[in-house]
PDB file of N, CA and C in Angstrom:
ATOM      1  N   UNK A   1      99.897 119.386 126.523  1.00  0.00           N
ATOM      2  CA  UNK A   1     100.845 119.877 127.598  1.00  0.00           C
ATOM      3  C   UNK A   1     102.103 119.783 126.671  1.00  0.00           C
ATOM      4  N   UNK A   2     102.796 121.063 126.977  1.00  0.00           N
ATOM      5  CA  UNK A   2     104.212 121.177 126.378  1.00  0.00           C
ATOM      6  C   UNK A   2     105.218 121.576 127.478  1.00  0.00           C
ATOM      7  N   UNK A   3     106.224 120.937 126.960  1.00  0.00           N
ATOM      8  CA  UNK A   3     107.643 121.282 128.073  1.00  0.00           C
ATOM      9  C   UNK A   3     108.550 121.795 127.310  1.00  0.00           C
ATOM     10  N   UNK A   4     109.359 122.843 127.460  1.00  0.00           N
ATOM     11  CA  UNK A   4     110.311 123.023 126.906  1.00  0.00           C
ATOM     12  C   UNK A   4     111.739 122.593 127.664  1.00  0.00           C
ATOM     13  N   UNK A   5     112.677 122.092 127.120  1.00  0.00           N
ATOM     14  CA  UNK A   5     113.824 121.761 127.814  1.00  0.00           C
ATOM     15  C   UNK A   5     114.934 122.313 126.964  1.00  0.00           C
ATOM     16  N   UNK A   6     116.105 122.281 127.791  1.00  0.00           N
ATOM     17  CA  UNK A   6     117.250 122.783 127.130  1.00  0.00           C
ATOM     18  C   UNK A   6     118.437 121.515 127.282  1.00  0.00           C
ATOM     19  N   UNK A   7     118.714 121.017 126.193  1.00  0.00           N
ATOM     20  CA  UNK A   7     119.275 119.846 125.916  1.00  0.00           C
ATOM     21  C   UNK A   7     120.935 120.333 125.928  1.00  0.00           C
ATOM     22  N   UNK A   8     121.882 120.145 126.732  1.00  0.00           N
ATOM     23  CA  UNK A   8     123.426 120.364 126.441  1.00  0.00           C
ATOM     24  C   UNK A   8     123.932 119.211 125.498  1.00  0.00           C
ATOM     25  N   UNK A   9     124.930 119.220 124.936  1.00  0.00           N
ATOM     26  CA  UNK A   9     125.741 118.038 124.413  1.00  0.00           C
ATOM     27  C   UNK A   9     125.184 118.053 122.979  1.00  0.00           C
ATOM     28  N   UNK A  10     124.417 118.781 122.419  1.00  0.00           N
ATOM     29  CA  UNK A  10     124.097 118.578 121.131  1.00  0.00           C
ATOM     30  C   UNK A  10     125.485 119.120 120.089  1.00  0.00           C
ATOM     31  N   UNK A  11     125.683 118.041 119.215  1.00  0.00           N
ATOM     32  CA  UNK A  11     126.958 118.422 118.524  1.00  0.00           C
ATOM     33  C   UNK A  11     126.630 118.749 117.283  1.00  0.00           C
ATOM     34  N   UNK A  12     125.410 118.106 116.469  1.00  0.00           N
ATOM     35  CA  UNK A  12     125.179 118.191 115.083  1.00  0.00           C
ATOM     36  C   UNK A  12     123.791 117.927 114.902  1.00  0.00           C
ATOM     37  N   UNK A  13     123.179 118.067 113.470  1.00  0.00           N
ATOM     38  CA  UNK A  13     121.940 117.857 113.237  1.00  0.00           C
ATOM     39  C   UNK A  13     121.338 116.444 113.585  1.00  0.00           C
ATOM     40  N   UNK A  14     122.163 115.491 113.791  1.00  0.00           N
ATOM     41  CA  UNK A  14     121.709 113.917 114.051  1.00  0.00           C
ATOM     42  C   UNK A  14     121.458 113.838 115.266  1.00  0.00           C
ATOM     43  N   UNK A  15     122.075 114.686 116.361  1.00  0.00           N
ATOM     44  CA  UNK A  15     121.823 114.663 117.694  1.00  0.00           C
ATOM     45  C   UNK A  15     120.368 114.436 118.200  1.00  0.00           C
ATOM     46  N   UNK A  16     119.395 115.151 117.541  1.00  0.00           N
ATOM     47  CA  UNK A  16     117.837 115.233 117.903  1.00  0.00           C
ATOM     48  C   UNK A  16     117.540 114.232 117.578  1.00  0.00           C
ATOM     49  N   UNK A  17     117.810 113.617 116.478  1.00  0.00           N
ATOM     50  CA  UNK A  17     117.233 112.038 115.897  1.00  0.00           C
ATOM     51  C   UNK A  17     117.717 111.094 116.929  1.00  0.00           C
ATOM     52  N   UNK A  18     118.943 111.273 117.415  1.00  0.00           N
ATOM     53  CA  UNK A  18     119.361 110.179 118.336  1.00  0.00           C
ATOM     54  C   UNK A  18     118.788 110.418 119.798  1.00  0.00           C
ATOM     55  N   UNK A  19     118.144 111.519 120.218  1.00  0.00           N
ATOM     56  CA  UNK A  19     117.551 111.764 121.445  1.00  0.00           C
ATOM     57  C   UNK A  19     116.110 111.262 121.345  1.00  0.00           C
ATOM     58  N   UNK A  20     115.431 111.668 119.865  1.00  0.00           N
ATOM     59  CA  UNK A  20     114.608 111.161 119.668  1.00  0.00           C
ATOM     60  C   UNK A  20     114.278 109.484 120.129  1.00  0.00           C
ATOM     61  N   UNK A  21     115.384 108.843 119.421  1.00  0.00           N
ATOM     62  CA  UNK A  21     115.244 107.263 119.450  1.00  0.00           C
ATOM     63  C   UNK A  21     115.238 106.988 120.948  1.00  0.00           C
ATOM     64  N   UNK A  22     116.098 107.553 121.888  1.00  0.00           N
ATOM     65  CA  UNK A  22     116.539 107.470 123.106  1.00  0.00           C
ATOM     66  C   UNK A  22     115.079 107.520 124.070  1.00  0.00           C
ATOM     67  N   UNK A  23     114.431 108.445 123.700  1.00  0.00           N
ATOM     68  CA  UNK A  23     113.091 108.838 124.534  1.00  0.00           C
ATOM     69  C   UNK A  23     111.820 108.555 124.019  1.00  0.00           C
ATOM     70  N   UNK A  24     112.020 107.909 122.687  1.00  0.00           N
ATOM     71  CA  UNK A  24     110.407 107.571 121.914  1.00  0.00           C
ATOM     72  C   UNK A  24     109.555 106.584 122.694  1.00  0.00           C
ATOM     73  N   UNK A  25     110.034 105.808 123.862  1.00  0.00           N
ATOM     74  CA  UNK A  25     109.140 105.010 124.593  1.00  0.00           C
ATOM     75  C   UNK A  25     108.763 105.995 126.028  1.00  0.00           C
ATOM     76  N   UNK A  26     109.318 107.073 126.105  1.00  0.00           N
ATOM     77  CA  UNK A  26     108.982 107.801 127.348  1.00  0.00           C
ATOM     78  C   UNK A  26     107.410 108.146 127.479  1.00  0.00           C
ATOM     79  N   UNK A  27     106.894 107.821 128.721  1.00  0.00           N
ATOM     80  CA  UNK A  27     105.492 108.197 128.760  1.00  0.00           C
ATOM     81  C   UNK A  27     105.033 109.577 128.389  1.00  0.00           C
ATOM     82  N   UNK A  28     104.090 109.882 127.473  1.00  0.00           N
ATOM     83  CA  UNK A  28     103.683 111.232 127.207  1.00  0.00           C
ATOM     84  C   UNK A  28     104.140 111.779 126.155  1.00  0.00           C
ATOM     85  N   UNK A  29     105.297 111.299 125.430  1.00  0.00           N
ATOM     86  CA  UNK A  29     106.060 111.991 124.549  1.00  0.00           C
ATOM     87  C   UNK A  29     105.058 111.861 123.191  1.00  0.00           C
ATOM     88  N   UNK A  30     104.794 112.977 122.459  1.00  0.00           N
ATOM     89  CA  UNK A  30     104.142 113.184 121.102  1.00  0.00           C
ATOM     90  C   UNK A  30     104.849 113.510 120.154  1.00  0.00           C
ATOM     91  N   UNK A  31     105.803 114.538 120.299  1.00  0.00           N
ATOM     92  CA  UNK A  31     106.265 115.309 119.521  1.00  0.00           C
ATOM     93  C   UNK A  31     107.584 116.109 119.880  1.00  0.00           C
ATOM     94  N   UNK A  32     108.864 116.188 118.809  1.00  0.00           N
ATOM     95  CA  UNK A  32     109.771 116.943 119.278  1.00  0.00           C
ATOM     96  C   UNK A  32     109.950 117.755 118.250  1.00  0.00           C
ATOM     97  N   UNK A  33     110.314 119.299 118.563  1.00  0.00           N
ATOM     98  CA  UNK A  33     110.700 120.236 117.653  1.00  0.00           C
ATOM     99  C   UNK A  33     112.179 120.796 118.160  1.00  0.00           C
ATOM    100  N   UNK A  34     113.156 121.090 117.124  1.00  0.00           N
ATOM    101  CA  UNK A  34     114.519 121.488 117.498  1.00  0.00           C
ATOM    102  C   UNK A  34     114.782 122.637 117.140  1.00  0.00           C
ATOM    103  N   UNK A  35     115.605 123.314 117.797  1.00  0.00           N
ATOM    104  CA  UNK A  35     116.121 124.539 117.577  1.00  0.00           C
ATOM    105  C   UNK A  35     117.687 124.408 117.830  1.00  0.00           C
ATOM    106  N   UNK A  36     118.677 124.082 116.978  1.00  0.00           N
ATOM    107  CA  UNK A  36     120.086 124.081 117.106  1.00  0.00           C
ATOM    108  C   UNK A  36     120.433 125.241 117.468  1.00  0.00           C
ATOM    109  N   UNK A  37     120.173 126.410 116.897  1.00  0.00           N
ATOM    110  CA  UNK A  37     120.575 127.876 117.339  1.00  0.00           C
ATOM    111  C   UNK A  37     120.586 128.135 118.884  1.00  0.00           C
ATOM    112  N   UNK A  38     119.444 127.736 119.585  1.00  0.00           N
ATOM    113  CA  UNK A  38     119.214 127.838 120.961  1.00  0.00           C
ATOM    114  C   UNK A  38     119.636 126.382 121.756  1.00  0.00           C
ATOM    115  N   UNK A  39     119.990 125.605 120.980  1.00  0.00           N
ATOM    116  CA  UNK A  39     120.307 124.143 121.519  1.00  0.00           C
ATOM    117  C   UNK A  39     119.294 123.529 122.499  1.00  0.00           C
ATOM    118  N   UNK A  40     117.899 124.086 122.048  1.00  0.00           N
ATOM    119  CA  UNK A  40     116.820 123.506 122.583  1.00  0.00           C
ATOM    120  C   UNK A  40     116.002 122.345 121.959  1.00  0.00           C
ATOM    121  N   UNK A  41     115.079 121.557 122.646  1.00  0.00           N
ATOM    122  CA  UNK A  41     114.296 120.742 121.810  1.00  0.00           C
ATOM    123  C   UNK A  41     112.898 121.094 122.763  1.00  0.00           C
ATOM    124  N   UNK A  42     111.779 121.339 121.941  1.00  0.00           N
ATOM    125  CA  UNK A  42     110.382 121.589 122.536  1.00  0.00           C
ATOM    126  C   UNK A  42     109.864 119.959 122.334  1.00  0.00           C
ATOM    127  N   UNK A  43     109.386 119.518 123.708  1.00  0.00           N
ATOM    128  CA  UNK A  43     108.785 118.354 123.574  1.00  0.00           C
ATOM    129  C   UNK A  43     107.224 118.493 123.839  1.00  0.00           C
ATOM    130  N   UNK A  44     106.311 117.895 122.973  1.00  0.00           N
ATOM    131  CA  UNK A  44     105.147 117.815 123.352  1.00  0.00           C
ATOM    132  C   UNK A  44     104.619 116.838 123.577  1.00  0.00           C
ATOM    133  N   UNK A  45     103.615 116.404 124.429  1.00  0.00           N
ATOM    134  CA  UNK A  45     102.964 115.579 124.916  1.00  0.00           C
ATOM    135  C   UNK A  45     101.732 115.691 125.930  1.00  0.00           C
ATOM    136  N   UNK A  46     101.166 114.615 126.222  1.00  0.00           N
ATOM    137  CA  UNK A  46     100.246 114.452 126.944  1.00  0.00           C
ATOM    138  C   UNK A  46     100.297 114.691 128.436  1.00  0.00           C
ATOM    139  N   UNK A  47      99.367 114.581 129.499  1.00  0.00           N
ATOM    140  CA  UNK A  47      99.721 114.914 130.824  1.00  0.00           C
ATOM    141  C   UNK A  47     100.508 113.831 131.531  1.00  0.00           C
ATOM    142  N   UNK A  48     100.896 112.740 131.036  1.00  0.00           N
ATOM    143  CA  UNK A  48     101.608 112.128 131.434  1.00  0.00           C
ATOM    144  C   UNK A  48     103.344 112.164 131.109  1.00  0.00           C
ATOM    145  N   UNK A  49     103.499 113.063 130.283  1.00  0.00           N
ATOM    146  CA  UNK A  49     105.091 113.560 130.169  1.00  0.00           C
ATOM    147  C   UNK A  49     105.559 113.881 131.301  1.00  0.00           C
ATOM    148  N   UNK A  50     106.761 113.085 131.499  1.00  0.00           N
ATOM    149  CA  UNK A  50     107.898 113.388 132.676  1.00  0.00           C
ATOM    150  C   UNK A  50     108.934 113.645 132.287  1.00  0.00           C
ATOM    151  N   UNK A  51     109.716 114.736 132.658  1.00  0.00           N
ATOM    152  CA  UNK A  51     111.021 115.345 132.152  1.00  0.00           C
ATOM    153  C   UNK A  51     111.957 114.590 132.919  1.00  0.00           C
ATOM    154  N   UNK A  52     111.526 114.010 134.316  1.00  0.00           N
ATOM    155  CA  UNK A  52     112.672 113.282 134.819  1.00  0.00           C
ATOM    156  C   UNK A  52     113.094 111.951 134.232  1.00  0.00           C
ATOM    157  N   UNK A  53     111.854 111.420 133.517  1.00  0.00           N
ATOM    158  CA  UNK A  53     112.085 110.183 132.899  1.00  0.00           C
ATOM    159  C   UNK A  53     112.784 110.436 131.626  1.00  0.00           C
ATOM    160  N   UNK A  54     112.409 111.570 131.195  1.00  0.00           N
ATOM    161  CA  UNK A  54     113.490 111.815 129.963  1.00  0.00           C
ATOM    162  C   UNK A  54     114.913 111.995 130.292  1.00  0.00           C
ATOM    163  N   UNK A  55     115.062 112.576 131.613  1.00  0.00           N
ATOM    164  CA  UNK A  55     116.727 112.907 131.892  1.00  0.00           C
ATOM    165  C   UNK A  55     117.098 111.446 132.004  1.00  0.00           C
ATOM    166  N   UNK A  56     116.464 110.636 132.699  1.00  0.00           N
ATOM    167  CA  UNK A  56     116.923 109.125 132.943  1.00  0.00           C
ATOM    168  C   UNK A  56     117.221 108.373 131.507  1.00  0.00           C
ATOM    169  N   UNK A  57     116.518 108.632 130.640  1.00  0.00           N
ATOM    170  CA  UNK A  57     116.665 108.078 129.481  1.00  0.00           C
ATOM    171  C   UNK A  57     118.020 108.502 128.778  1.00  0.00           C
ATOM    172  N   UNK A  58     118.371 109.623 128.984  1.00  0.00           N
ATOM    173  CA  UNK A  58     119.426 110.233 128.430  1.00  0.00           C
ATOM    174  C   UNK A  58     120.567 110.286 129.225  1.00  0.00           C
ATOM    175  N   UNK A  59     120.623 109.711 130.467  1.00  0.00           N
ATOM    176  CA  UNK A  59     121.603 109.679 131.531  1.00  0.00           C
ATOM    177  C   UNK A  59     122.907 108.914 131.020  1.00  0.00           C
ATOM    178  N   UNK A  60     122.633 107.879 130.188  1.00  0.00           N
ATOM    179  CA  UNK A  60     123.830 107.231 129.802  1.00  0.00           C
ATOM    180  C   UNK A  60     124.450 107.675 128.736  1.00  0.00           C
ATOM    181  N   UNK A  61     124.077 108.982 128.055  1.00  0.00           N
ATOM    182  CA  UNK A  61     124.562 109.560 126.911  1.00  0.00           C
ATOM    183  C   UNK A  61     125.316 110.843 127.625  1.00  0.00           C
ATOM    184  N   UNK A  62     125.971 111.528 126.407  1.00  0.00           N
ATOM    185  CA  UNK A  62     126.634 112.777 126.696  1.00  0.00           C
ATOM    186  C   UNK A  62     125.427 114.289 126.828  1.00  0.00           C
ATOM    187  N   UNK A  63     124.343 113.755 126.825  1.00  0.00           N
ATOM    188  CA  UNK A  63     123.139 114.988 126.868  1.00  0.00           C
ATOM    189  C   UNK A  63     122.685 114.992 128.170  1.00  0.00           C
ATOM    190  N   UNK A  64     122.796 116.256 128.598  1.00  0.00           N
ATOM    191  CA  UNK A  64     122.075 116.755 129.770  1.00  0.00           C
ATOM    192  C   UNK A  64     120.822 117.556 129.481  1.00  0.00           C
ATOM    193  N   UNK A  65     119.861 117.244 130.684  1.00  0.00           N
ATOM    194  CA  UNK A  65     118.263 117.952 130.033  1.00  0.00           C
ATOM    195  C   UNK A  65     118.066 119.013 131.530  1.00  0.00           C
ATOM    196  N   UNK A  66     117.551 120.009 131.107  1.00  0.00           N
ATOM    197  CA  UNK A  66     117.202 121.015 132.153  1.00  0.00           C
ATOM    198  C   UNK A  66     115.804 121.483 131.610  1.00  0.00           C
ATOM    199  N   UNK A  67     114.880 121.665 132.551  1.00  0.00           N
ATOM    200  CA  UNK A  67     113.327 122.017 132.026  1.00  0.00           C
ATOM    201  C   UNK A  67     113.471 123.593 132.193  1.00  0.00           C
ATOM    202  N   UNK A  68     112.797 124.085 131.023  1.00  0.00           N
ATOM    203  CA  UNK A  68     112.794 125.451 130.946  1.00  0.00           C
ATOM    204  C   UNK A  68     111.359 126.039 131.406  1.00  0.00           C
ATOM    205  N   UNK A  69     110.374 125.241 130.971  1.00  0.00           N
ATOM    206  CA  UNK A  69     109.036 125.689 131.265  1.00  0.00           C
ATOM    207  C   UNK A  69     108.298 124.465 131.618  1.00  0.00           C
TER     208      UNK A  69
END
């Protein structure tokens, strides 16, 4: 299963690393691919992948998440 999400609030190349740390324990997350030009992260995972859980994990930080696919 693959989900593409738009993450607003990325400031630098370190932001995806920070996001990965915040969501590393989210159910179903297996891989992250970043595209800083489009300000997106593609999150790959298994059937347990839950975008709402990722939103909750990032809610205390200046990142916002919108599911694209």
